[in-house]
Full PDB file with SEQRES, HELIX, SHEET, SSBOND, CRYST1, ORIGX, SCALE, CONECT and MASTER records, all heavy atoms in Angstrom:
SEQRES   1 A   39  GLY VAL ARG ARG GLY ASP ARG VAL GLY ILE LEU LEU ASN          
SEQRES   2 A   39  LYS SER LEU GLU CYS ILE VAL ALA LEU PHE ALA ILE LEU          
SEQRES   3 A   39  LYS ALA GLY ALA ALA TYR VAL PRO LEU ASP PRO ALA SER          
HELIX    1 AA1 LEU A   16  LYS A   27  1                                  12    
SHEET    1 AA1 2 ARG A   7  LEU A  11  0                                        
SHEET    2 AA1 2 ALA A  31  LEU A  35  1                                        
CRYST1    1.000    1.000    1.000  90.00  90.00  90.00 P 1           1          
ORIGX1      1.000000  0.000000  0.000000        0.00000                         
ORIGX2      0.000000  1.000000  0.000000        0.00000                         
ORIGX3      0.000000  0.000000  1.000000        0.00000                         
SCALE1      1.000000  0.000000  0.000000        0.00000                         
SCALE2      0.000000  1.000000  0.000000        0.00000                         
SCALE3      0.000000  0.000000  1.000000        0.00000                         
ATOM      1  N   GLY A   1      15.187 -30.572 -11.374  1.00  0.00           N  
ATOM      2  CA  GLY A   1      16.483 -30.906 -12.203  1.00  0.00           C  
ATOM      3  C   GLY A   1      17.737 -30.554 -11.672  1.00  0.00           C  
ATOM      4  O   GLY A   1      18.752 -30.853 -12.232  1.00  0.00           O  
ATOM      5  N   VAL A   2      17.830 -30.121 -10.328  1.00  0.00           N  
ATOM      6  CA  VAL A   2      19.040 -29.702  -9.822  1.00  0.00           C  
ATOM      7  C   VAL A   2      19.729 -30.995  -9.470  1.00  0.00           C  
ATOM      8  O   VAL A   2      19.256 -31.870  -8.725  1.00  0.00           O  
ATOM      9  CB  VAL A   2      18.937 -28.821  -8.575  1.00  0.00           C  
ATOM     10  CG1 VAL A   2      20.193 -28.617  -7.834  1.00  0.00           C  
ATOM     11  CG2 VAL A   2      18.282 -27.523  -9.008  1.00  0.00           C  
ATOM     12  N   ARG A   3      20.999 -31.169  -9.838  1.00  0.00           N  
ATOM     13  CA  ARG A   3      21.794 -32.321  -9.633  1.00  0.00           C  
ATOM     14  C   ARG A   3      23.158 -31.920  -9.031  1.00  0.00           C  
ATOM     15  O   ARG A   3      23.539 -30.806  -9.091  1.00  0.00           O  
ATOM     16  CB  ARG A   3      22.048 -33.096 -10.973  1.00  0.00           C  
ATOM     17  CG  ARG A   3      20.729 -33.589 -11.574  1.00  0.00           C  
ATOM     18  CD  ARG A   3      20.127 -34.742 -10.903  1.00  0.00           C  
ATOM     19  NE  ARG A   3      18.892 -35.145 -11.467  1.00  0.00           N  
ATOM     20  CZ  ARG A   3      17.705 -34.860 -10.998  1.00  0.00           C  
ATOM     21  NH1 ARG A   3      17.539 -34.180  -9.894  1.00  0.00           N  
ATOM     22  NH2 ARG A   3      16.697 -35.310 -11.678  1.00  0.00           N  
ATOM     23  N   ARG A   4      23.937 -33.004  -8.632  1.00  0.00           N  
ATOM     24  CA  ARG A   4      25.251 -32.719  -8.083  1.00  0.00           C  
ATOM     25  C   ARG A   4      26.082 -31.952  -8.933  1.00  0.00           C  
ATOM     26  O   ARG A   4      26.121 -32.339 -10.116  1.00  0.00           O  
ATOM     27  CB  ARG A   4      25.852 -34.193  -7.698  1.00  0.00           C  
ATOM     28  CG  ARG A   4      27.354 -34.028  -7.050  1.00  0.00           C  
ATOM     29  CD  ARG A   4      27.873 -35.406  -6.716  1.00  0.00           C  
ATOM     30  NE  ARG A   4      27.018 -35.917  -5.628  1.00  0.00           N  
ATOM     31  CZ  ARG A   4      27.043 -35.657  -4.358  1.00  0.00           C  
ATOM     32  NH1 ARG A   4      27.882 -34.636  -3.910  1.00  0.00           N  
ATOM     33  NH2 ARG A   4      26.266 -36.212  -3.508  1.00  0.00           N  
ATOM     34  N   GLY A   5      26.744 -30.990  -8.498  1.00  0.00           N  
ATOM     35  CA  GLY A   5      27.676 -30.142  -9.201  1.00  0.00           C  
ATOM     36  C   GLY A   5      26.955 -28.973  -9.888  1.00  0.00           C  
ATOM     37  O   GLY A   5      27.710 -28.092 -10.301  1.00  0.00           O  
ATOM     38  N   ASP A   6      25.592 -28.979  -9.906  1.00  0.00           N  
ATOM     39  CA  ASP A   6      24.947 -27.780 -10.467  1.00  0.00           C  
ATOM     40  C   ASP A   6      25.182 -26.564  -9.611  1.00  0.00           C  
ATOM     41  O   ASP A   6      25.561 -26.550  -8.336  1.00  0.00           O  
ATOM     42  CB  ASP A   6      23.468 -27.931 -10.602  1.00  0.00           C  
ATOM     43  CG  ASP A   6      23.091 -28.952 -11.690  1.00  0.00           C  
ATOM     44  OD1 ASP A   6      24.010 -29.145 -12.518  1.00  0.00           O  
ATOM     45  OD2 ASP A   6      21.989 -29.455 -11.647  1.00  0.00           O  
ATOM     46  N   ARG A   7      25.049 -25.384 -10.117  1.00  0.00           N  
ATOM     47  CA  ARG A   7      25.019 -24.083  -9.417  1.00  0.00           C  
ATOM     48  C   ARG A   7      23.644 -23.543  -9.274  1.00  0.00           C  
ATOM     49  O   ARG A   7      22.987 -23.556 -10.314  1.00  0.00           O  
ATOM     50  CB  ARG A   7      25.994 -23.087 -10.048  1.00  0.00           C  
ATOM     51  CG  ARG A   7      27.469 -23.668  -9.915  1.00  0.00           C  
ATOM     52  CD  ARG A   7      28.295 -22.689 -10.708  1.00  0.00           C  
ATOM     53  NE  ARG A   7      29.552 -23.362 -11.063  1.00  0.00           N  
ATOM     54  CZ  ARG A   7      29.794 -24.125 -12.105  1.00  0.00           C  
ATOM     55  NH1 ARG A   7      28.773 -24.394 -12.954  1.00  0.00           N  
ATOM     56  NH2 ARG A   7      30.926 -24.641 -12.386  1.00  0.00           N  
ATOM     57  N   VAL A   8      23.164 -23.209  -7.997  1.00  0.00           N  
ATOM     58  CA  VAL A   8      21.916 -22.553  -7.901  1.00  0.00           C  
ATOM     59  C   VAL A   8      22.040 -21.078  -7.230  1.00  0.00           C  
ATOM     60  O   VAL A   8      22.792 -21.064  -6.205  1.00  0.00           O  
ATOM     61  CB  VAL A   8      21.064 -23.430  -6.930  1.00  0.00           C  
ATOM     62  CG1 VAL A   8      19.771 -22.864  -6.669  1.00  0.00           C  
ATOM     63  CG2 VAL A   8      20.909 -24.806  -7.533  1.00  0.00           C  
ATOM     64  N   GLY A   9      21.512 -20.187  -7.806  1.00  0.00           N  
ATOM     65  CA  GLY A   9      21.525 -18.846  -7.227  1.00  0.00           C  
ATOM     66  C   GLY A   9      20.603 -18.671  -6.041  1.00  0.00           C  
ATOM     67  O   GLY A   9      19.460 -19.194  -6.026  1.00  0.00           O  
ATOM     68  N   ILE A  10      21.028 -17.820  -5.186  1.00  0.00           N  
ATOM     69  CA  ILE A  10      20.264 -17.451  -3.874  1.00  0.00           C  
ATOM     70  C   ILE A  10      20.203 -15.891  -4.121  1.00  0.00           C  
ATOM     71  O   ILE A  10      21.160 -15.249  -3.786  1.00  0.00           O  
ATOM     72  CB  ILE A  10      20.864 -17.868  -2.614  1.00  0.00           C  
ATOM     73  CG1 ILE A  10      21.041 -19.333  -2.466  1.00  0.00           C  
ATOM     74  CG2 ILE A  10      20.129 -17.262  -1.490  1.00  0.00           C  
ATOM     75  CD1 ILE A  10      21.633 -19.744  -1.124  1.00  0.00           C  
ATOM     76  N   LEU A  11      19.042 -15.427  -4.340  1.00  0.00           N  
ATOM     77  CA  LEU A  11      18.757 -13.891  -4.452  1.00  0.00           C  
ATOM     78  C   LEU A  11      17.815 -13.636  -3.281  1.00  0.00           C  
ATOM     79  O   LEU A  11      16.597 -13.494  -3.432  1.00  0.00           O  
ATOM     80  CB  LEU A  11      18.124 -13.683  -5.757  1.00  0.00           C  
ATOM     81  CG  LEU A  11      17.779 -12.207  -6.067  1.00  0.00           C  
ATOM     82  CD1 LEU A  11      19.017 -11.372  -6.106  1.00  0.00           C  
ATOM     83  CD2 LEU A  11      17.021 -12.038  -7.288  1.00  0.00           C  
ATOM     84  N   LEU A  12      18.377 -13.602  -2.021  1.00  0.00           N  
ATOM     85  CA  LEU A  12      17.612 -13.270  -0.828  1.00  0.00           C  
ATOM     86  C   LEU A  12      18.478 -12.373  -0.011  1.00  0.00           C  
ATOM     87  O   LEU A  12      19.663 -12.351   0.035  1.00  0.00           O  
ATOM     88  CB  LEU A  12      17.370 -14.462  -0.076  1.00  0.00           C  
ATOM     89  CG  LEU A  12      16.376 -15.583  -0.631  1.00  0.00           C  
ATOM     90  CD1 LEU A  12      16.502 -16.920   0.162  1.00  0.00           C  
ATOM     91  CD2 LEU A  12      14.953 -15.051  -0.565  1.00  0.00           C  
ATOM     92  N   ASN A  13      17.837 -11.462   0.753  1.00  0.00           N  
ATOM     93  CA  ASN A  13      18.475 -10.769   1.735  1.00  0.00           C  
ATOM     94  C   ASN A  13      18.729 -11.619   2.939  1.00  0.00           C  
ATOM     95  O   ASN A  13      18.220 -12.831   3.041  1.00  0.00           O  
ATOM     96  CB  ASN A  13      17.479  -9.611   2.217  1.00  0.00           C  
ATOM     97  CG  ASN A  13      17.268  -8.502   1.230  1.00  0.00           C  
ATOM     98  OD1 ASN A  13      18.258  -8.048   0.614  1.00  0.00           O  
ATOM     99  ND2 ASN A  13      16.024  -8.072   0.994  1.00  0.00           N  
ATOM    100  N   LYS A  14      19.602 -11.214   3.904  1.00  0.00           N  
ATOM    101  CA  LYS A  14      19.902 -12.031   5.061  1.00  0.00           C  
ATOM    102  C   LYS A  14      18.631 -12.392   5.817  1.00  0.00           C  
ATOM    103  O   LYS A  14      17.813 -11.511   6.127  1.00  0.00           O  
ATOM    104  CB  LYS A  14      20.759 -11.257   5.932  1.00  0.00           C  
ATOM    105  CG  LYS A  14      22.259 -11.068   5.351  1.00  0.00           C  
ATOM    106  CD  LYS A  14      23.041 -10.284   6.255  1.00  0.00           C  
ATOM    107  CE  LYS A  14      24.452 -10.130   5.583  1.00  0.00           C  
ATOM    108  NZ  LYS A  14      25.296  -9.271   6.408  1.00  0.00           N  
ATOM    109  N   SER A  15      18.422 -13.624   6.060  1.00  0.00           N  
ATOM    110  CA  SER A  15      17.165 -14.071   6.569  1.00  0.00           C  
ATOM    111  C   SER A  15      17.244 -15.619   7.059  1.00  0.00           C  
ATOM    112  O   SER A  15      18.228 -16.236   6.526  1.00  0.00           O  
ATOM    113  CB  SER A  15      15.958 -13.851   5.713  1.00  0.00           C  
ATOM    114  OG  SER A  15      16.162 -14.717   4.534  1.00  0.00           O  
ATOM    115  N   LEU A  16      16.255 -16.050   7.749  1.00  0.00           N  
ATOM    116  CA  LEU A  16      16.118 -17.489   7.918  1.00  0.00           C  
ATOM    117  C   LEU A  16      16.002 -18.310   6.621  1.00  0.00           C  
ATOM    118  O   LEU A  16      16.500 -19.437   6.538  1.00  0.00           O  
ATOM    119  CB  LEU A  16      14.993 -17.752   8.951  1.00  0.00           C  
ATOM    120  CG  LEU A  16      15.145 -17.201  10.363  1.00  0.00           C  
ATOM    121  CD1 LEU A  16      13.959 -17.677  11.222  1.00  0.00           C  
ATOM    122  CD2 LEU A  16      16.432 -17.759  11.089  1.00  0.00           C  
ATOM    123  N   GLU A  17      15.138 -17.746   5.761  1.00  0.00           N  
ATOM    124  CA  GLU A  17      14.912 -18.334   4.535  1.00  0.00           C  
ATOM    125  C   GLU A  17      16.214 -18.623   3.770  1.00  0.00           C  
ATOM    126  O   GLU A  17      16.425 -19.611   2.981  1.00  0.00           O  
ATOM    127  CB  GLU A  17      13.855 -17.587   3.689  1.00  0.00           C  
ATOM    128  CG  GLU A  17      12.469 -17.560   4.264  1.00  0.00           C  
ATOM    129  CD  GLU A  17      12.278 -16.671   5.481  1.00  0.00           C  
ATOM    130  OE1 GLU A  17      13.219 -15.771   5.686  1.00  0.00           O  
ATOM    131  OE2 GLU A  17      11.290 -16.836   6.153  1.00  0.00           O  
ATOM    132  N   CYS A  18      17.168 -17.672   3.790  1.00  0.00           N  
ATOM    133  CA  CYS A  18      18.420 -17.672   3.159  1.00  0.00           C  
ATOM    134  C   CYS A  18      19.300 -18.858   3.685  1.00  0.00           C  
ATOM    135  O   CYS A  18      19.813 -19.636   2.990  1.00  0.00           O  
ATOM    136  CB  CYS A  18      19.245 -16.398   3.309  1.00  0.00           C  
ATOM    137  SG  CYS A  18      20.698 -16.351   2.321  1.00  0.00           S  
ATOM    138  N   ILE A  19      19.242 -19.102   5.063  1.00  0.00           N  
ATOM    139  CA  ILE A  19      19.905 -20.202   5.635  1.00  0.00           C  
ATOM    140  C   ILE A  19      19.249 -21.593   5.226  1.00  0.00           C  
ATOM    141  O   ILE A  19      19.910 -22.556   4.856  1.00  0.00           O  
ATOM    142  CB  ILE A  19      19.827 -20.020   7.122  1.00  0.00           C  
ATOM    143  CG1 ILE A  19      20.571 -18.835   7.604  1.00  0.00           C  
ATOM    144  CG2 ILE A  19      20.459 -21.326   7.769  1.00  0.00           C  
ATOM    145  CD1 ILE A  19      22.009 -18.725   7.141  1.00  0.00           C  
ATOM    146  N   VAL A  20      17.932 -21.551   5.135  1.00  0.00           N  
ATOM    147  CA  VAL A  20      17.223 -22.794   4.679  1.00  0.00           C  
ATOM    148  C   VAL A  20      17.487 -23.090   3.258  1.00  0.00           C  
ATOM    149  O   VAL A  20      17.968 -24.242   2.887  1.00  0.00           O  
ATOM    150  CB  VAL A  20      15.653 -22.597   4.728  1.00  0.00           C  
ATOM    151  CG1 VAL A  20      15.010 -23.749   4.113  1.00  0.00           C  
ATOM    152  CG2 VAL A  20      15.203 -22.528   6.344  1.00  0.00           C  
ATOM    153  N   ALA A  21      17.624 -22.075   2.388  1.00  0.00           N  
ATOM    154  CA  ALA A  21      17.948 -22.293   1.061  1.00  0.00           C  
ATOM    155  C   ALA A  21      19.492 -22.738   0.788  1.00  0.00           C  
ATOM    156  O   ALA A  21      19.737 -23.600   0.038  1.00  0.00           O  
ATOM    157  CB  ALA A  21      17.856 -20.903   0.212  1.00  0.00           C  
ATOM    158  N   LEU A  22      20.293 -22.268   1.646  1.00  0.00           N  
ATOM    159  CA  LEU A  22      21.785 -22.654   1.554  1.00  0.00           C  
ATOM    160  C   LEU A  22      21.918 -24.132   1.817  1.00  0.00           C  
ATOM    161  O   LEU A  22      22.469 -24.939   1.106  1.00  0.00           O  
ATOM    162  CB  LEU A  22      22.581 -21.826   2.547  1.00  0.00           C  
ATOM    163  CG  LEU A  22      24.052 -21.981   2.631  1.00  0.00           C  
ATOM    164  CD1 LEU A  22      24.756 -20.726   2.947  1.00  0.00           C  
ATOM    165  CD2 LEU A  22      24.445 -22.977   3.617  1.00  0.00           C  
ATOM    166  N   PHE A  23      21.207 -24.575   2.977  1.00  0.00           N  
ATOM    167  CA  PHE A  23      21.219 -26.072   3.332  1.00  0.00           C  
ATOM    168  C   PHE A  23      20.577 -26.877   2.211  1.00  0.00           C  
ATOM    169  O   PHE A  23      21.030 -27.868   1.974  1.00  0.00           O  
ATOM    170  CB  PHE A  23      20.675 -26.267   4.705  1.00  0.00           C  
ATOM    171  CG  PHE A  23      21.697 -26.094   5.832  1.00  0.00           C  
ATOM    172  CD1 PHE A  23      21.611 -24.814   6.645  1.00  0.00           C  
ATOM    173  CD2 PHE A  23      22.547 -26.953   6.119  1.00  0.00           C  
ATOM    174  CE1 PHE A  23      22.582 -24.704   7.683  1.00  0.00           C  
ATOM    175  CE2 PHE A  23      23.539 -26.748   7.112  1.00  0.00           C  
ATOM    176  CZ  PHE A  23      23.429 -25.596   7.990  1.00  0.00           C  
ATOM    177  N   ALA A  24      19.477 -26.368   1.841  1.00  0.00           N  
ATOM    178  CA  ALA A  24      18.797 -27.195   0.718  1.00  0.00           C  
ATOM    179  C   ALA A  24      19.599 -27.386  -0.508  1.00  0.00           C  
ATOM    180  O   ALA A  24      19.679 -28.473  -1.027  1.00  0.00           O  
ATOM    181  CB  ALA A  24      17.471 -26.467   0.360  1.00  0.00           C  
ATOM    182  N   ILE A  25      20.270 -26.409  -0.964  1.00  0.00           N  
ATOM    183  CA  ILE A  25      21.209 -26.453  -2.126  1.00  0.00           C  
ATOM    184  C   ILE A  25      22.286 -27.572  -1.884  1.00  0.00           C  
ATOM    185  O   ILE A  25      22.619 -28.349  -2.696  1.00  0.00           O  
ATOM    186  CB  ILE A  25      21.727 -25.105  -2.508  1.00  0.00           C  
ATOM    187  CG1 ILE A  25      20.475 -24.232  -3.031  1.00  0.00           C  
ATOM    188  CG2 ILE A  25      22.783 -25.167  -3.640  1.00  0.00           C  
ATOM    189  CD1 ILE A  25      20.736 -22.713  -3.212  1.00  0.00           C  
ATOM    190  N   LEU A  26      22.873 -27.355  -0.743  1.00  0.00           N  
ATOM    191  CA  LEU A  26      23.974 -28.273  -0.386  1.00  0.00           C  
ATOM    192  C   LEU A  26      23.400 -29.751  -0.275  1.00  0.00           C  
ATOM    193  O   LEU A  26      24.125 -30.575  -0.779  1.00  0.00           O  
ATOM    194  CB  LEU A  26      24.555 -27.866   1.029  1.00  0.00           C  
ATOM    195  CG  LEU A  26      25.371 -26.554   0.967  1.00  0.00           C  
ATOM    196  CD1 LEU A  26      25.882 -26.203   2.428  1.00  0.00           C  
ATOM    197  CD2 LEU A  26      26.548 -26.500   0.017  1.00  0.00           C  
ATOM    198  N   LYS A  27      22.280 -29.894   0.211  1.00  0.00           N  
ATOM    199  CA  LYS A  27      21.722 -31.243   0.389  1.00  0.00           C  
ATOM    200  C   LYS A  27      21.345 -31.756  -0.999  1.00  0.00           C  
ATOM    201  O   LYS A  27      21.344 -33.020  -1.171  1.00  0.00           O  
ATOM    202  CB  LYS A  27      20.443 -31.276   1.315  1.00  0.00           C  
ATOM    203  CG  LYS A  27      20.674 -31.018   2.731  1.00  0.00           C  
ATOM    204  CD  LYS A  27      19.497 -31.074   3.519  1.00  0.00           C  
ATOM    205  CE  LYS A  27      19.926 -30.986   5.043  1.00  0.00           C  
ATOM    206  NZ  LYS A  27      18.673 -31.145   5.876  1.00  0.00           N  
ATOM    207  N   ALA A  28      21.057 -30.913  -1.919  1.00  0.00           N  
ATOM    208  CA  ALA A  28      20.781 -31.463  -3.353  1.00  0.00           C  
ATOM    209  C   ALA A  28      22.010 -31.746  -4.098  1.00  0.00           C  
ATOM    210  O   ALA A  28      21.939 -32.154  -5.218  1.00  0.00           O  
ATOM    211  CB  ALA A  28      20.029 -30.314  -4.093  1.00  0.00           C  
ATOM    212  N   GLY A  29      23.221 -31.503  -3.467  1.00  0.00           N  
ATOM    213  CA  GLY A  29      24.424 -31.755  -4.095  1.00  0.00           C  
ATOM    214  C   GLY A  29      25.000 -30.640  -4.882  1.00  0.00           C  
ATOM    215  O   GLY A  29      25.959 -30.793  -5.622  1.00  0.00           O  
ATOM    216  N   ALA A  30      24.346 -29.533  -4.877  1.00  0.00           N  
ATOM    217  CA  ALA A  30      24.742 -28.391  -5.686  1.00  0.00           C  
ATOM    218  C   ALA A  30      25.560 -27.309  -4.891  1.00  0.00           C  
ATOM    219  O   ALA A  30      25.806 -27.465  -3.644  1.00  0.00           O  
ATOM    220  CB  ALA A  30      23.464 -27.694  -6.215  1.00  0.00           C  
ATOM    221  N   ALA A  31      25.984 -26.384  -5.622  1.00  0.00           N  
ATOM    222  CA  ALA A  31      26.743 -25.285  -4.992  1.00  0.00           C  
ATOM    223  C   ALA A  31      25.884 -23.997  -5.187  1.00  0.00           C  
ATOM    224  O   ALA A  31      25.261 -23.855  -6.005  1.00  0.00           O  
ATOM    225  CB  ALA A  31      28.083 -24.940  -5.791  1.00  0.00           C  
ATOM    226  N   TYR A  32      25.931 -23.154  -3.996  1.00  0.00           N  
ATOM    227  CA  TYR A  32      25.145 -22.013  -4.088  1.00  0.00           C  
ATOM    228  C   TYR A  32      25.882 -20.771  -4.579  1.00  0.00           C  
ATOM    229  O   TYR A  32      27.177 -20.718  -4.474  1.00  0.00           O  
ATOM    230  CB  TYR A  32      24.425 -21.717  -2.763  1.00  0.00           C  
ATOM    231  CG  TYR A  32      25.402 -21.391  -1.672  1.00  0.00           C  
ATOM    232  CD1 TYR A  32      25.755 -19.977  -1.464  1.00  0.00           C  
ATOM    233  CD2 TYR A  32      26.072 -22.290  -0.920  1.00  0.00           C  
ATOM    234  CE1 TYR A  32      26.681 -19.705  -0.384  1.00  0.00           C  
ATOM    235  CE2 TYR A  32      26.833 -22.041   0.172  1.00  0.00           C  
ATOM    236  CZ  TYR A  32      27.198 -20.745   0.394  1.00  0.00           C  
ATOM    237  OH  TYR A  32      27.958 -20.433   1.351  1.00  0.00           O  
ATOM    238  N   VAL A  33      25.240 -19.851  -5.317  1.00  0.00           N  
ATOM    239  CA  VAL A  33      25.875 -18.633  -5.814  1.00  0.00           C  
ATOM    240  C   VAL A  33      25.114 -17.529  -5.146  1.00  0.00           C  
ATOM    241  O   VAL A  33      23.916 -17.315  -5.468  1.00  0.00           O  
ATOM    242  CB  VAL A  33      25.716 -18.619  -7.360  1.00  0.00           C  
ATOM    243  CG1 VAL A  33      26.239 -17.309  -7.915  1.00  0.00           C  
ATOM    244  CG2 VAL A  33      26.403 -19.836  -8.110  1.00  0.00           C  
ATOM    245  N   PRO A  34      25.703 -16.797  -4.261  1.00  0.00           N  
ATOM    246  CA  PRO A  34      25.033 -15.760  -3.543  1.00  0.00           C  
ATOM    247  C   PRO A  34      24.874 -14.628  -4.493  1.00  0.00           C  
ATOM    248  O   PRO A  34      25.806 -14.052  -5.240  1.00  0.00           O  
ATOM    249  CB  PRO A  34      26.116 -15.329  -2.445  1.00  0.00           C  
ATOM    250  CG  PRO A  34      27.308 -15.951  -2.810  1.00  0.00           C  
ATOM    251  CD  PRO A  34      27.136 -17.100  -3.722  1.00  0.00           C  
ATOM    252  N   LEU A  35      23.623 -14.047  -4.575  1.00  0.00           N  
ATOM    253  CA  LEU A  35      23.342 -12.949  -5.354  1.00  0.00           C  
ATOM    254  C   LEU A  35      22.863 -11.977  -4.570  1.00  0.00           C  
ATOM    255  O   LEU A  35      21.871 -12.058  -3.836  1.00  0.00           O  
ATOM    256  CB  LEU A  35      22.341 -13.350  -6.460  1.00  0.00           C  
ATOM    257  CG  LEU A  35      22.752 -14.483  -7.374  1.00  0.00           C  
ATOM    258  CD1 LEU A  35      21.631 -15.046  -8.192  1.00  0.00           C  
ATOM    259  CD2 LEU A  35      23.806 -13.977  -8.310  1.00  0.00           C  
ATOM    260  N   ASP A  36      23.242 -10.638  -4.713  1.00  0.00           N  
ATOM    261  CA  ASP A  36      22.790  -9.523  -3.836  1.00  0.00           C  
ATOM    262  C   ASP A  36      21.608  -8.844  -4.429  1.00  0.00           C  
ATOM    263  O   ASP A  36      21.720  -8.319  -5.568  1.00  0.00           O  
ATOM    264  CB  ASP A  36      23.982  -8.526  -3.816  1.00  0.00           C  
ATOM    265  CG  ASP A  36      23.665  -7.293  -2.853  1.00  0.00           C  
ATOM    266  OD1 ASP A  36      22.595  -7.236  -2.297  1.00  0.00           O  
ATOM    267  OD2 ASP A  36      24.667  -6.494  -2.759  1.00  0.00           O  
ATOM    268  N   PRO A  37      20.563  -8.838  -3.741  1.00  0.00           N  
ATOM    269  CA  PRO A  37      19.306  -8.248  -4.257  1.00  0.00           C  
ATOM    270  C   PRO A  37      19.435  -6.874  -4.515  1.00  0.00           C  
ATOM    271  O   PRO A  37      18.745  -6.204  -5.255  1.00  0.00           O  
ATOM    272  CB  PRO A  37      18.265  -8.456  -3.133  1.00  0.00           C  
ATOM    273  CG  PRO A  37      18.748  -9.605  -2.261  1.00  0.00           C  
ATOM    274  CD  PRO A  37      20.302  -9.513  -2.396  1.00  0.00           C  
ATOM    275  N   ALA A  38      20.419  -6.093  -3.937  1.00  0.00           N  
ATOM    276  CA  ALA A  38      20.602  -4.684  -4.105  1.00  0.00           C  
ATOM    277  C   ALA A  38      21.457  -4.454  -5.398  1.00  0.00           C  
ATOM    278  O   ALA A  38      21.649  -3.324  -5.914  1.00  0.00           O  
ATOM    279  CB  ALA A  38      21.359  -4.049  -2.962  1.00  0.00           C  
ATOM    280  N   SER A  39      21.861  -5.448  -6.017  1.00  0.00           N  
ATOM    281  CA  SER A  39      22.716  -5.281  -7.235  1.00  0.00           C  
ATOM    282  C   SER A  39      21.889  -4.865  -8.449  1.00  0.00           C  
ATOM    283  O   SER A  39      20.670  -5.387  -8.614  1.00  0.00           O  
ATOM    284  CB  SER A  39      23.634  -6.563  -7.564  1.00  0.00           C  
ATOM    285  OG  SER A  39      24.507  -6.842  -6.694  1.00  0.00           O  
TER     286      SER A  39                                                      
MASTER        0    0    0    1    2    0    0    6  285    1    0    3          
END                                                                             
């Protein structure tokens, strides 16, 4: 259900998976919200 203009959280430490997630969210037309796993 992610559509253009939605916001999607990324709760990952720095990693290759985080980069993949960032690009995937942008390709889905959404914006990413970085979330710190240590918070």
